[in-house]
Each structure stands twice: as structure tokens, then as C-alpha cells.
C-alpha atoms as a PDB file:
ATOM      1  CA  UNK A   1      -8.770  45.246   2.452  1.00  0.00           C
ATOM      2  CA  UNK A   2      -5.448  46.817   3.017  1.00  0.00           C
ATOM      3  CA  UNK A   3      -2.604  46.798   0.522  1.00  0.00           C
ATOM      4  CA  UNK A   4      -0.448  44.728   2.866  1.00  0.00           C
ATOM      5  CA  UNK A   5      -2.693  41.695   2.436  1.00  0.00           C
ATOM      6  CA  UNK A   6      -2.512  41.925  -1.351  1.00  0.00           C
ATOM      7  CA  UNK A   7       1.273  42.021  -1.549  1.00  0.00           C
ATOM      8  CA  UNK A   8       2.968  38.611  -1.524  1.00  0.00           C
ATOM      9  CA  UNK A   9       5.341  38.264   1.355  1.00  0.00           C
ATOM     10  CA  UNK A  10       8.631  36.500   0.858  1.00  0.00           C
ATOM     11  CA  UNK A  11       9.765  34.326   3.696  1.00  0.00           C
ATOM     12  CA  UNK A  12      13.442  33.693   4.034  1.00  0.00           C
ATOM     13  CA  UNK A  13      13.960  30.065   4.844  1.00  0.00           C
ATOM     14  CA  UNK A  14      17.156  28.943   6.463  1.00  0.00           C
ATOM     15  CA  UNK A  15      18.064  25.376   5.646  1.00  0.00           C
ATOM     16  CA  UNK A  16      19.544  23.564   8.606  1.00  0.00           C
ATOM     17  CA  UNK A  17      22.599  21.473   7.904  1.00  0.00           C
ATOM     18  CA  UNK A  18      22.918  17.963   9.232  1.00  0.00           C
ATOM     19  CA  UNK A  19      25.412  17.369  11.983  1.00  0.00           C
ATOM     20  CA  UNK A  20      26.332  14.246  13.927  1.00  0.00           C
ATOM     21  CA  UNK A  21      24.859  15.740  17.109  1.00  0.00           C
ATOM     22  CA  UNK A  22      21.532  16.496  15.425  1.00  0.00           C
ATOM     23  CA  UNK A  23      21.418  13.007  13.954  1.00  0.00           C
ATOM     24  CA  UNK A  24      22.168  11.435  17.335  1.00  0.00           C
ATOM     25  CA  UNK A  25      19.504  13.556  19.021  1.00  0.00           C
ATOM     26  CA  UNK A  26      16.942  12.620  16.382  1.00  0.00           C
ATOM     27  CA  UNK A  27      17.880   8.950  16.660  1.00  0.00           C
ATOM     28  CA  UNK A  28      17.436   8.999  20.435  1.00  0.00           C
ATOM     29  CA  UNK A  29      14.042  10.687  20.157  1.00  0.00           C
ATOM     30  CA  UNK A  30      12.870   8.355  17.391  1.00  0.00           C
ATOM     31  CA  UNK A  31      14.180   5.303  19.228  1.00  0.00           C
ATOM     32  CA  UNK A  32      12.391   6.383  22.392  1.00  0.00           C
ATOM     33  CA  UNK A  33       9.134   6.850  20.526  1.00  0.00           C
ATOM     34  CA  UNK A  34       9.614   3.474  18.829  1.00  0.00           C
ATOM     35  CA  UNK A  35      10.170   1.787  22.175  1.00  0.00           C
ATOM     36  CA  UNK A  36       7.127   3.547  23.634  1.00  0.00           C
ATOM     37  CA  UNK A  37       4.975   2.373  20.734  1.00  0.00           C
ATOM     38  CA  UNK A  38       6.379  -1.155  21.085  1.00  0.00           C
ATOM     39  CA  UNK A  39       5.445  -1.148  24.773  1.00  0.00           C
ATOM     40  CA  UNK A  40       1.993   0.161  23.865  1.00  0.00           C
ATOM     41  CA  UNK A  41       1.610  -2.614  21.290  1.00  0.00           C
ATOM     42  CA  UNK A  42       2.508  -5.282  23.842  1.00  0.00           C
ATOM     43  CA  UNK A  43       0.038  -3.786  26.339  1.00  0.00           C
ATOM     44  CA  UNK A  44      -2.745  -3.677  23.746  1.00  0.00           C
ATOM     45  CA  UNK A  45      -2.083  -7.237  22.580  1.00  0.00           C
ATOM     46  CA  UNK A  46      -2.003  -8.501  26.167  1.00  0.00           C
ATOM     47  CA  UNK A  47      -5.220  -6.675  26.955  1.00  0.00           C
ATOM     48  CA  UNK A  48      -6.927  -8.170  23.918  1.00  0.00           C
ATOM     49  CA  UNK A  49      -5.664 -11.649  24.803  1.00  0.00           C
ATOM     50  CA  UNK A  50      -6.918 -11.502  28.388  1.00  0.00           C
ATOM     51  CA  UNK A  51     -10.398 -10.296  27.399  1.00  0.00           C
ATOM     52  CA  UNK A  52     -12.043 -12.837  25.109  1.00  0.00           C
ATOM     53  CA  UNK A  53     -15.064 -12.014  22.990  1.00  0.00           C
ATOM     54  CA  UNK A  54     -18.447 -12.849  24.470  1.00  0.00           C
ATOM     55  CA  UNK A  55     -20.642 -13.450  21.473  1.00  0.00           C
ATOM     56  CA  UNK A  56     -22.095 -16.396  19.614  1.00  0.00           C
ATOM     57  CA  UNK A  57     -22.631 -14.425  16.415  1.00  0.00           C
ATOM     58  CA  UNK A  58     -19.912 -15.435  13.910  1.00  0.00           C
ATOM     59  CA  UNK A  59     -20.056 -12.070  12.137  1.00  0.00           C
ATOM     60  CA  UNK A  60     -19.388 -10.194  15.383  1.00  0.00           C
ATOM     61  CA  UNK A  61     -16.483 -12.481  16.182  1.00  0.00           C
ATOM     62  CA  UNK A  62     -14.933 -12.037  12.725  1.00  0.00           C
ATOM     63  CA  UNK A  63     -15.314  -8.255  12.702  1.00  0.00           C
ATOM     64  CA  UNK A  64     -13.971  -7.816  16.220  1.00  0.00           C
ATOM     65  CA  UNK A  65     -11.064 -10.135  15.449  1.00  0.00           C
ATOM     66  CA  UNK A  66     -10.266  -8.073  12.346  1.00  0.00           C
ATOM     67  CA  UNK A  67     -10.462  -4.812  14.308  1.00  0.00           C
ATOM     68  CA  UNK A  68      -8.188  -6.174  17.027  1.00  0.00           C
ATOM     69  CA  UNK A  69      -5.697  -7.331  14.406  1.00  0.00           C
ATOM     70  CA  UNK A  70      -5.789  -3.955  12.663  1.00  0.00           C
ATOM     71  CA  UNK A  71      -5.250  -2.039  15.903  1.00  0.00           C
ATOM     72  CA  UNK A  72      -2.241  -4.124  16.889  1.00  0.00           C
ATOM     73  CA  UNK A  73      -0.922  -4.014  13.321  1.00  0.00           C
ATOM     74  CA  UNK A  74      -1.107  -0.237  13.025  1.00  0.00           C
ATOM     75  CA  UNK A  75       0.710   0.245  16.322  1.00  0.00           C
ATOM     76  CA  UNK A  76       3.326  -2.333  15.269  1.00  0.00           C
ATOM     77  CA  UNK A  77       3.791  -0.516  11.951  1.00  0.00           C
ATOM     78  CA  UNK A  78       4.351   2.774  13.761  1.00  0.00           C
ATOM     79  CA  UNK A  79       6.817   1.135  16.107  1.00  0.00           C
ATOM     80  CA  UNK A  80       8.729  -0.365  13.193  1.00  0.00           C
ATOM     81  CA  UNK A  81       8.857   2.908  11.287  1.00  0.00           C
ATOM     82  CA  UNK A  82      10.219   4.791  14.292  1.00  0.00           C
ATOM     83  CA  UNK A  83      12.814   2.047  14.788  1.00  0.00           C
ATOM     84  CA  UNK A  84      13.943   2.191  11.149  1.00  0.00           C
ATOM     85  CA  UNK A  85      14.157   5.993  11.306  1.00  0.00           C
ATOM     86  CA  UNK A  86      16.284   5.751  14.449  1.00  0.00           C
ATOM     87  CA  UNK A  87      18.667   3.299  12.768  1.00  0.00           C
ATOM     88  CA  UNK A  88      18.874   5.497   9.658  1.00  0.00           C
ATOM     89  CA  UNK A  89      19.601   8.644  11.654  1.00  0.00           C
ATOM     90  CA  UNK A  90      22.253   6.827  13.653  1.00  0.00           C
ATOM     91  CA  UNK A  91      23.897   5.595  10.450  1.00  0.00           C
ATOM     92  CA  UNK A  92      23.759   9.105   8.962  1.00  0.00           C
ATOM     93  CA  UNK A  93      25.383  10.503  12.099  1.00  0.00           C
ATOM     94  CA  UNK A  94      28.206   7.961  11.874  1.00  0.00           C
ATOM     95  CA  UNK A  95      28.660   8.737   8.166  1.00  0.00           C
ATOM     96  CA  UNK A  96      28.845  12.479   8.836  1.00  0.00           C
ATOM     97  CA  UNK A  97      31.306  11.916  11.670  1.00  0.00           C
ATOM     98  CA  UNK A  98      33.559   9.794   9.464  1.00  0.00           C
ATOM     99  CA  UNK A  99      33.410  12.406   6.694  1.00  0.00           C
ATOM    100  CA  UNK A 100      34.270  15.126   9.179  1.00  0.00           C
ATOM    101  CA  UNK A 101      37.237  13.181  10.540  1.00  0.00           C
ATOM    102  CA  UNK A 102      38.547  12.297   7.081  1.00  0.00           C
ATOM    103  CA  UNK A 103      38.220  15.934   6.006  1.00  0.00           C
ATOM    104  CA  UNK A 104      40.280  17.013   9.034  1.00  0.00           C
ATOM    105  CA  UNK A 105      42.967  14.395   8.295  1.00  0.00           C
ATOM    106  CA  UNK A 106      43.231  15.462   4.660  1.00  0.00           C
ATOM    107  CA  UNK A 107      43.571  19.124   5.651  1.00  0.00           C
ATOM    108  CA  UNK A 108      46.328  18.254   8.163  1.00  0.00           C
ATOM    109  CA  UNK A 109      48.313  16.265   5.574  1.00  0.00           C
ATOM    110  CA  UNK A 110      48.388  19.146   3.082  1.00  0.00           C
END
């Protein structure tokens, strides 16, 4: 082993500051992903509804019904989370913009 691998390396991490433009960009991306997952959920639910189960075994019907419900539920949960994140980022962007504008007004008045 070389001595370079034994020495701990320090990484300098630069923390990015939030800006209204970054928040708006993140909200658009998250909203787009939320809409895509919502469309996927509708397609999955429609596909499941148009293809009924062909079994007379009650256990098979119950398990497949539970799996179908879980699949649609997980995709709906993902869609909802992306939507909430988009709304939160949009609200943060508006808050930062208002703070920026009020800071400029207070500096002009002094």
C-alpha cells in the first residue's frame, strides 16, 4: 500500500445557496416528474381495469387484487410526493423573491 491511501483526504464542500431561479427550476422538474408518474398511474390502473383476472381460485384473486392495489398505490404515492415537493419549492422561491425585494427596498430607503 502506498502512503497516499493511508492519509485521510479532506474534501472541500461548497454549499449551494438557494435562489428563486433554482427553486423554480426544481419545481418545474419535480412537477414534470409528478405529472409523468400521474400519467403512468392512470395508464396502469386502466390496464388493470381492462384485463380482468381469469381464475376461480379465491386465493389467487385476493393476492392479485392486493398486488394490483399496491402497484397503483406506490405509483400514486410517488406522484403525490413529487407534487408536494414541487409546491414546496415554488413556495420557497416566492418567499426568497419577496425577501430579496424587501431587502432591496430597505437598502434604498436608508
